[in-house]
Amino acid sequence: MDGNGRWAKRRGLPRTAGHTAGEETLATVVREAARRNVGWLTVFGFSTENWVRPPSEVRHILGLHRKLFGRIDELNANNVRVRWIGRPFDEPGSRTPAPIQKAIRDAIRDTSHNTGMVLTVAFDYGSRAEIARAARLAAVDAASSGSTISPAAIARHLYDPELPPVDVLVRTSGETRISNFLLWQARQARVFFTDAAWPDFGADELDAALALVS
């Protein structure tokens, strides 16, 4: 979900205004994706590298995520189930504040009965950290069982082993690269590039991305 800051700058607005607009866009995309019977939607909310941003910007983004996880009525109305991937709260290096941890846990619990689209939010997430952790845990298993480290063993230790392979990876804001996002899961994914900044991403772009796998 890239381009919030640039979207705001082009309009003479503070970067925080772009993040606020981006949060509303996410709510819209979740609704539109659910209506199109998308099974899984995973969004890169906050990366392990984002903590180096200015403190005021980080505080604003954290507030928006707390609001996002608090949209329980809307999520339930769209039959959306929430999941989360990121550095486990109880492991060294985790920086997710306690209020965000609570909001995440509450959203997972309060939408667990839904049977429609699974919305996975990647927060305090970095794919290289995820893979390194999974490999380390797989090595421990291998040492105790006398087995070898295999791709299947690593996959079992990813943050959410049930997360399916990515069909299409969306990159907004004219960027023609992939970030530190779902590198393991996106091994054979098609990639949809769009010049639209995330706050301008809408149903047309969503349909174009889905058309790559239809």
C-alpha atoms as a PDB file:
ATOM      1  CA  MET A   1       0.000   0.000   0.000  1.00  0.00           C
ATOM      2  CA  ASP A   2       2.596   2.492  -1.200  1.00  0.00           C
ATOM      3  CA  GLY A   3       2.466   6.165  -2.071  1.00  0.00           C
ATOM      4  CA  ASN A   4       0.512   7.713   0.806  1.00  0.00           C
ATOM      5  CA  GLY A   5       3.193  10.300   1.520  1.00  0.00           C
ATOM      6  CA  ARG A   6       3.686  11.241  -2.124  1.00  0.00           C
ATOM      7  CA  TRP A   7      -0.083  11.459  -2.610  1.00  0.00           C
ATOM      8  CA  ALA A   8      -0.252  13.958   0.241  1.00  0.00           C
ATOM      9  CA  LYS A   9       2.776  15.948  -0.930  1.00  0.00           C
ATOM     10  CA  ARG A  10       1.277  16.450  -4.402  1.00  0.00           C
ATOM     11  CA  ARG A  11      -1.732  18.003  -2.687  1.00  0.00           C
ATOM     12  CA  GLY A  12       0.256  20.204  -0.342  1.00  0.00           C
ATOM     13  CA  LEU A  13      -0.837  18.119   2.648  1.00  0.00           C
ATOM     14  CA  PRO A  14       1.166  16.579   5.493  1.00  0.00           C
ATOM     15  CA  ARG A  15       2.208  12.955   5.098  1.00  0.00           C
ATOM     16  CA  THR A  16      -0.185  11.987   7.868  1.00  0.00           C
ATOM     17  CA  ALA A  17      -3.095  13.080   5.672  1.00  0.00           C
ATOM     18  CA  GLY A  18      -1.960  10.575   3.077  1.00  0.00           C
ATOM     19  CA  HIS A  19      -1.905   7.784   5.638  1.00  0.00           C
ATOM     20  CA  THR A  20      -5.405   8.734   6.773  1.00  0.00           C
ATOM     21  CA  ALA A  21      -6.644   8.623   3.179  1.00  0.00           C
ATOM     22  CA  GLY A  22      -4.868   5.309   2.713  1.00  0.00           C
ATOM     23  CA  GLU A  23      -6.666   3.785   5.694  1.00  0.00           C
ATOM     24  CA  GLU A  24     -10.014   4.721   4.168  1.00  0.00           C
ATOM     25  CA  THR A  25      -8.907   3.232   0.853  1.00  0.00           C
ATOM     26  CA  LEU A  26      -8.083  -0.012   2.623  1.00  0.00           C
ATOM     27  CA  ALA A  27     -11.580  -0.160   4.097  1.00  0.00           C
ATOM     28  CA  THR A  28     -13.002   0.338   0.599  1.00  0.00           C
ATOM     29  CA  VAL A  29     -10.746  -2.304  -0.965  1.00  0.00           C
ATOM     30  CA  VAL A  30     -11.677  -4.808   1.741  1.00  0.00           C
ATOM     31  CA  ARG A  31     -15.362  -4.309   0.953  1.00  0.00           C
ATOM     32  CA  GLU A  32     -14.806  -4.549  -2.804  1.00  0.00           C
ATOM     33  CA  ALA A  33     -12.611  -7.632  -2.510  1.00  0.00           C
ATOM     34  CA  ALA A  34     -15.161  -9.354  -0.282  1.00  0.00           C
ATOM     35  CA  ARG A  35     -17.901  -8.626  -2.820  1.00  0.00           C
ATOM     36  CA  ARG A  36     -15.758 -10.243  -5.513  1.00  0.00           C
ATOM     37  CA  ASN A  37     -15.372 -13.409  -3.441  1.00  0.00           C
ATOM     38  CA  VAL A  38     -11.627 -12.979  -2.977  1.00  0.00           C
ATOM     39  CA  GLY A  39     -10.594 -15.722  -0.579  1.00  0.00           C
ATOM     40  CA  TRP A  40      -7.516 -14.136   0.983  1.00  0.00           C
ATOM     41  CA  LEU A  41      -6.352 -10.522   1.051  1.00  0.00           C
ATOM     42  CA  THR A  42      -3.038  -9.751   2.733  1.00  0.00           C
ATOM     43  CA  VAL A  43      -1.943  -6.148   3.204  1.00  0.00           C
ATOM     44  CA  PHE A  44       1.430  -4.723   4.224  1.00  0.00           C
ATOM     45  CA  GLY A  45       0.388  -2.394   7.009  1.00  0.00           C
ATOM     46  CA  PHE A  46       3.645  -1.647   8.803  1.00  0.00           C
ATOM     47  CA  SER A  47       7.080  -3.077   8.159  1.00  0.00           C
ATOM     48  CA  THR A  48       9.972  -3.789  10.494  1.00  0.00           C
ATOM     49  CA  GLU A  49      11.782  -0.930   8.728  1.00  0.00           C
ATOM     50  CA  ASN A  50       8.978   1.611   9.273  1.00  0.00           C
ATOM     51  CA  TRP A  51       9.941   2.213  12.900  1.00  0.00           C
ATOM     52  CA  VAL A  52      12.702   4.573  11.716  1.00  0.00           C
ATOM     53  CA  ARG A  53      10.164   7.061  10.375  1.00  0.00           C
ATOM     54  CA  PRO A  54       9.626  10.318  12.331  1.00  0.00           C
ATOM     55  CA  PRO A  55       7.977   9.553  15.687  1.00  0.00           C
ATOM     56  CA  SER A  56       4.945  11.725  14.927  1.00  0.00           C
ATOM     57  CA  GLU A  57       4.328   9.840  11.693  1.00  0.00           C
ATOM     58  CA  VAL A  58       4.731   6.477  13.429  1.00  0.00           C
ATOM     59  CA  ARG A  59       2.255   7.516  16.136  1.00  0.00           C
ATOM     60  CA  HIS A  60      -0.255   8.534  13.485  1.00  0.00           C
ATOM     61  CA  ILE A  61       0.103   5.241  11.599  1.00  0.00           C
ATOM     62  CA  LEU A  62      -0.263   3.270  14.835  1.00  0.00           C
ATOM     63  CA  GLY A  63      -3.467   5.150  15.590  1.00  0.00           C
ATOM     64  CA  LEU A  64      -4.832   4.317  12.153  1.00  0.00           C
ATOM     65  CA  HIS A  65      -4.053   0.637  12.644  1.00  0.00           C
ATOM     66  CA  ARG A  66      -5.820   0.648  15.974  1.00  0.00           C
ATOM     67  CA  LYS A  67      -8.812   2.157  14.197  1.00  0.00           C
ATOM     68  CA  LEU A  68      -8.563  -0.422  11.409  1.00  0.00           C
ATOM     69  CA  PHE A  69      -8.578  -3.360  13.795  1.00  0.00           C
ATOM     70  CA  GLY A  70     -11.500  -1.714  15.586  1.00  0.00           C
ATOM     71  CA  ARG A  71     -13.815  -1.790  12.565  1.00  0.00           C
ATOM     72  CA  ILE A  72     -15.422  -4.960  13.897  1.00  0.00           C
ATOM     73  CA  ASP A  73     -19.013  -4.183  12.892  1.00  0.00           C
ATOM     74  CA  GLU A  74     -17.972  -3.423   9.318  1.00  0.00           C
ATOM     75  CA  LEU A  75     -15.764  -6.498   9.093  1.00  0.00           C
ATOM     76  CA  ASN A  76     -18.555  -8.709  10.404  1.00  0.00           C
ATOM     77  CA  ALA A  77     -21.074  -7.132   8.032  1.00  0.00           C
ATOM     78  CA  ASN A  78     -18.798  -8.169   5.157  1.00  0.00           C
ATOM     79  CA  ASN A  79     -18.183 -11.637   6.641  1.00  0.00           C
ATOM     80  CA  VAL A  80     -14.453 -10.899   6.821  1.00  0.00           C
ATOM     81  CA  ARG A  81     -12.159 -12.809   9.182  1.00  0.00           C
ATOM     82  CA  VAL A  82      -9.037 -11.024  10.464  1.00  0.00           C
ATOM     83  CA  ARG A  83      -5.600 -12.577  10.858  1.00  0.00           C
ATOM     84  CA  TRP A  84      -2.201 -11.062  11.517  1.00  0.00           C
ATOM     85  CA  ILE A  85       1.426 -11.785  10.637  1.00  0.00           C
ATOM     86  CA  GLY A  86       4.494 -10.139  12.123  1.00  0.00           C
ATOM     87  CA  ARG A  87       7.127 -10.530  14.793  1.00  0.00           C
ATOM     88  CA  PRO A  88       5.491 -12.495  17.636  1.00  0.00           C
ATOM     89  CA  PHE A  89       4.653 -10.254  20.554  1.00  0.00           C
ATOM     90  CA  ASP A  90       6.537 -12.434  23.049  1.00  0.00           C
ATOM     91  CA  GLU A  91       9.771 -12.728  21.060  1.00  0.00           C
ATOM     92  CA  PRO A  92      12.850 -10.483  21.269  1.00  0.00           C
ATOM     93  CA  GLY A  93      12.727  -7.586  18.843  1.00  0.00           C
ATOM     94  CA  SER A  94       8.955  -7.183  18.848  1.00  0.00           C
ATOM     95  CA  ARG A  95       8.010  -3.518  19.007  1.00  0.00           C
ATOM     96  CA  THR A  96       4.233  -3.674  18.671  1.00  0.00           C
ATOM     97  CA  PRO A  97       2.766  -1.471  21.426  1.00  0.00           C
ATOM     98  CA  ALA A  98       0.398  -3.087  23.910  1.00  0.00           C
ATOM     99  CA  PRO A  99      -2.708  -1.192  22.670  1.00  0.00           C
ATOM    100  CA  ILE A 100      -2.093  -2.427  19.119  1.00  0.00           C
ATOM    101  CA  GLN A 101      -1.515  -5.954  20.397  1.00  0.00           C
ATOM    102  CA  LYS A 102      -4.885  -5.804  22.144  1.00  0.00           C
ATOM    103  CA  ALA A 103      -6.615  -4.407  19.068  1.00  0.00           C
ATOM    104  CA  ILE A 104      -5.160  -7.208  16.942  1.00  0.00           C
ATOM    105  CA  ARG A 105      -6.201  -9.914  19.396  1.00  0.00           C
ATOM    106  CA  ASP A 106      -9.689  -8.434  19.743  1.00  0.00           C
ATOM    107  CA  ALA A 107     -10.179  -8.235  15.972  1.00  0.00           C
ATOM    108  CA  ILE A 108      -9.053 -11.833  15.495  1.00  0.00           C
ATOM    109  CA  ARG A 109     -11.369 -13.027  18.254  1.00  0.00           C
ATOM    110  CA  ASP A 110     -14.389 -10.934  17.275  1.00  0.00           C
ATOM    111  CA  THR A 111     -14.287 -11.938  13.587  1.00  0.00           C
ATOM    112  CA  SER A 112     -13.317 -15.592  14.068  1.00  0.00           C
ATOM    113  CA  HIS A 113     -16.851 -16.792  13.344  1.00  0.00           C
ATOM    114  CA  ASN A 114     -16.921 -15.273   9.864  1.00  0.00           C
ATOM    115  CA  THR A 115     -16.682 -17.581   6.859  1.00  0.00           C
ATOM    116  CA  GLY A 116     -15.847 -15.191   4.023  1.00  0.00           C
ATOM    117  CA  MET A 117     -12.640 -13.472   2.991  1.00  0.00           C
ATOM    118  CA  VAL A 118      -9.603 -13.710   5.242  1.00  0.00           C
ATOM    119  CA  LEU A 119      -7.951 -10.309   5.743  1.00  0.00           C
ATOM    120  CA  THR A 120      -4.391 -10.732   6.965  1.00  0.00           C
ATOM    121  CA  VAL A 121      -2.655  -7.587   8.162  1.00  0.00           C
ATOM    122  CA  ALA A 122       1.147  -7.658   8.157  1.00  0.00           C
ATOM    123  CA  PHE A 123       2.207  -5.440  11.062  1.00  0.00           C
ATOM    124  CA  ASP A 124       5.776  -5.185  12.363  1.00  0.00           C
ATOM    125  CA  TYR A 125       6.456  -7.544   9.483  1.00  0.00           C
ATOM    126  CA  GLY A 126       9.512  -8.247   7.368  1.00  0.00           C
ATOM    127  CA  SER A 127       9.718 -11.242   5.092  1.00  0.00           C
ATOM    128  CA  ARG A 128      13.451 -11.789   5.527  1.00  0.00           C
ATOM    129  CA  ALA A 129      13.011 -11.827   9.303  1.00  0.00           C
ATOM    130  CA  GLU A 130      10.124 -14.262   8.889  1.00  0.00           C
ATOM    131  CA  ILE A 131      12.163 -16.634   6.728  1.00  0.00           C
ATOM    132  CA  ALA A 132      15.237 -16.410   8.964  1.00  0.00           C
ATOM    133  CA  ARG A 133      13.121 -17.233  12.024  1.00  0.00           C
ATOM    134  CA  ALA A 134      11.425 -20.132  10.233  1.00  0.00           C
ATOM    135  CA  ALA A 135      14.774 -21.546   9.118  1.00  0.00           C
ATOM    136  CA  ARG A 136      16.150 -21.271  12.641  1.00  0.00           C
ATOM    137  CA  LEU A 137      13.161 -23.136  14.111  1.00  0.00           C
ATOM    138  CA  ALA A 138      13.312 -25.727  11.342  1.00  0.00           C
ATOM    139  CA  ALA A 139      16.989 -26.287  12.176  1.00  0.00           C
ATOM    140  CA  VAL A 140      16.095 -26.911  15.820  1.00  0.00           C
ATOM    141  CA  ASP A 141      13.501 -29.472  14.743  1.00  0.00           C
ATOM    142  CA  ALA A 142      15.958 -31.130  12.391  1.00  0.00           C
ATOM    143  CA  ALA A 143      18.623 -31.365  15.086  1.00  0.00           C
ATOM    144  CA  SER A 144      16.240 -32.991  17.547  1.00  0.00           C
ATOM    145  CA  SER A 145      14.767 -35.461  15.055  1.00  0.00           C
ATOM    146  CA  GLY A 146      17.832 -36.192  12.958  1.00  0.00           C
ATOM    147  CA  SER A 147      16.075 -35.006   9.806  1.00  0.00           C
ATOM    148  CA  THR A 148      17.131 -32.475   7.185  1.00  0.00           C
ATOM    149  CA  ILE A 149      15.930 -28.902   6.764  1.00  0.00           C
ATOM    150  CA  SER A 150      13.478 -28.892   3.867  1.00  0.00           C
ATOM    151  CA  PRO A 151      11.301 -26.195   2.291  1.00  0.00           C
ATOM    152  CA  ALA A 152       8.286 -27.896   3.858  1.00  0.00           C
ATOM    153  CA  ALA A 153       9.923 -27.707   7.281  1.00  0.00           C
ATOM    154  CA  ILE A 154      10.585 -23.992   6.855  1.00  0.00           C
ATOM    155  CA  ALA A 155       7.028 -23.390   5.621  1.00  0.00           C
ATOM    156  CA  ARG A 156       5.655 -24.985   8.785  1.00  0.00           C
ATOM    157  CA  HIS A 157       7.377 -22.304  10.848  1.00  0.00           C
ATOM    158  CA  LEU A 158       6.296 -19.212   8.919  1.00  0.00           C
ATOM    159  CA  TYR A 159       4.282 -16.674  10.892  1.00  0.00           C
ATOM    160  CA  ASP A 160       1.034 -18.137   9.514  1.00  0.00           C
ATOM    161  CA  PRO A 161       1.603 -21.554   7.926  1.00  0.00           C
ATOM    162  CA  GLU A 162      -2.002 -21.556   6.703  1.00  0.00           C
ATOM    163  CA  LEU A 163      -1.471 -18.490   4.531  1.00  0.00           C
ATOM    164  CA  PRO A 164      -1.758 -19.804   0.956  1.00  0.00           C
ATOM    165  CA  PRO A 165       0.658 -19.042  -1.880  1.00  0.00           C
ATOM    166  CA  VAL A 166       0.146 -15.589  -3.352  1.00  0.00           C
ATOM    167  CA  ASP A 167      -1.686 -15.505  -6.689  1.00  0.00           C
ATOM    168  CA  VAL A 168      -1.127 -11.840  -7.478  1.00  0.00           C
ATOM    169  CA  LEU A 169       1.060  -9.254  -5.766  1.00  0.00           C
ATOM    170  CA  VAL A 170      -0.064  -5.639  -6.157  1.00  0.00           C
ATOM    171  CA  ARG A 171       2.448  -2.792  -6.190  1.00  0.00           C
ATOM    172  CA  THR A 172       1.088   0.749  -6.193  1.00  0.00           C
ATOM    173  CA  SER A 173       2.453   4.252  -6.801  1.00  0.00           C
ATOM    174  CA  GLY A 174       4.506   3.529  -9.912  1.00  0.00           C
ATOM    175  CA  GLU A 175       7.060   1.414  -8.061  1.00  0.00           C
ATOM    176  CA  THR A 176       8.398  -1.426 -10.232  1.00  0.00           C
ATOM    177  CA  ARG A 177      10.006  -3.449  -7.485  1.00  0.00           C
ATOM    178  CA  ILE A 178       8.875  -5.724  -4.711  1.00  0.00           C
ATOM    179  CA  SER A 179       9.487  -4.935  -1.072  1.00  0.00           C
ATOM    180  CA  ASN A 180      10.288  -7.160   1.879  1.00  0.00           C
ATOM    181  CA  PHE A 181       6.801  -8.664   1.667  1.00  0.00           C
ATOM    182  CA  LEU A 182       5.732 -12.325   1.432  1.00  0.00           C
ATOM    183  CA  LEU A 183       8.907 -13.304  -0.401  1.00  0.00           C
ATOM    184  CA  TRP A 184       8.402 -16.976   0.441  1.00  0.00           C
ATOM    185  CA  GLN A 185       4.676 -17.061  -0.306  1.00  0.00           C
ATOM    186  CA  ALA A 186       4.935 -15.046  -3.548  1.00  0.00           C
ATOM    187  CA  ARG A 187       7.374 -17.427  -5.245  1.00  0.00           C
ATOM    188  CA  GLN A 188       5.184 -17.887  -8.343  1.00  0.00           C
ATOM    189  CA  ALA A 189       2.917 -14.879  -8.030  1.00  0.00           C
ATOM    190  CA  ARG A 190       1.975 -12.623 -10.880  1.00  0.00           C
ATOM    191  CA  VAL A 191       2.751  -8.971 -10.163  1.00  0.00           C
ATOM    192  CA  PHE A 192       0.389  -6.102 -10.893  1.00  0.00           C
ATOM    193  CA  PHE A 193       2.034  -2.685 -11.132  1.00  0.00           C
ATOM    194  CA  THR A 194      -0.046   0.494 -11.136  1.00  0.00           C
ATOM    195  CA  ASP A 195       0.866   4.177 -11.198  1.00  0.00           C
ATOM    196  CA  ALA A 196      -1.995   4.898  -8.789  1.00  0.00           C
ATOM    197  CA  ALA A 197      -0.870   5.850  -5.308  1.00  0.00           C
ATOM    198  CA  TRP A 198      -2.569   3.759  -2.666  1.00  0.00           C
ATOM    199  CA  PRO A 199      -5.159   6.433  -1.714  1.00  0.00           C
ATOM    200  CA  ASP A 200      -6.270   6.442  -5.395  1.00  0.00           C
ATOM    201  CA  PHE A 201      -6.426   2.643  -5.680  1.00  0.00           C
ATOM    202  CA  GLY A 202      -9.990   1.612  -6.421  1.00  0.00           C
ATOM    203  CA  ALA A 203     -12.275  -0.984  -7.906  1.00  0.00           C
ATOM    204  CA  ASP A 204     -10.849  -0.602 -11.426  1.00  0.00           C
ATOM    205  CA  GLU A 205      -7.305  -1.337 -10.279  1.00  0.00           C
ATOM    206  CA  LEU A 206      -8.535  -4.213  -8.137  1.00  0.00           C
ATOM    207  CA  ASP A 207     -10.344  -5.753 -11.099  1.00  0.00           C
ATOM    208  CA  ALA A 208      -7.280  -5.353 -13.307  1.00  0.00           C
ATOM    209  CA  ALA A 209      -5.157  -7.142 -10.715  1.00  0.00           C
ATOM    210  CA  LEU A 210      -7.675  -9.958 -10.335  1.00  0.00           C
ATOM    211  CA  ALA A 211      -7.841 -10.317 -14.115  1.00  0.00           C
ATOM    212  CA  LEU A 212      -4.244 -11.595 -14.052  1.00  0.00           C
ATOM    213  CA  VAL A 213      -5.427 -14.761 -12.325  1.00  0.00           C
ATOM    214  CA  SER A 214      -8.951 -15.117 -13.666  1.00  0.00           C
END
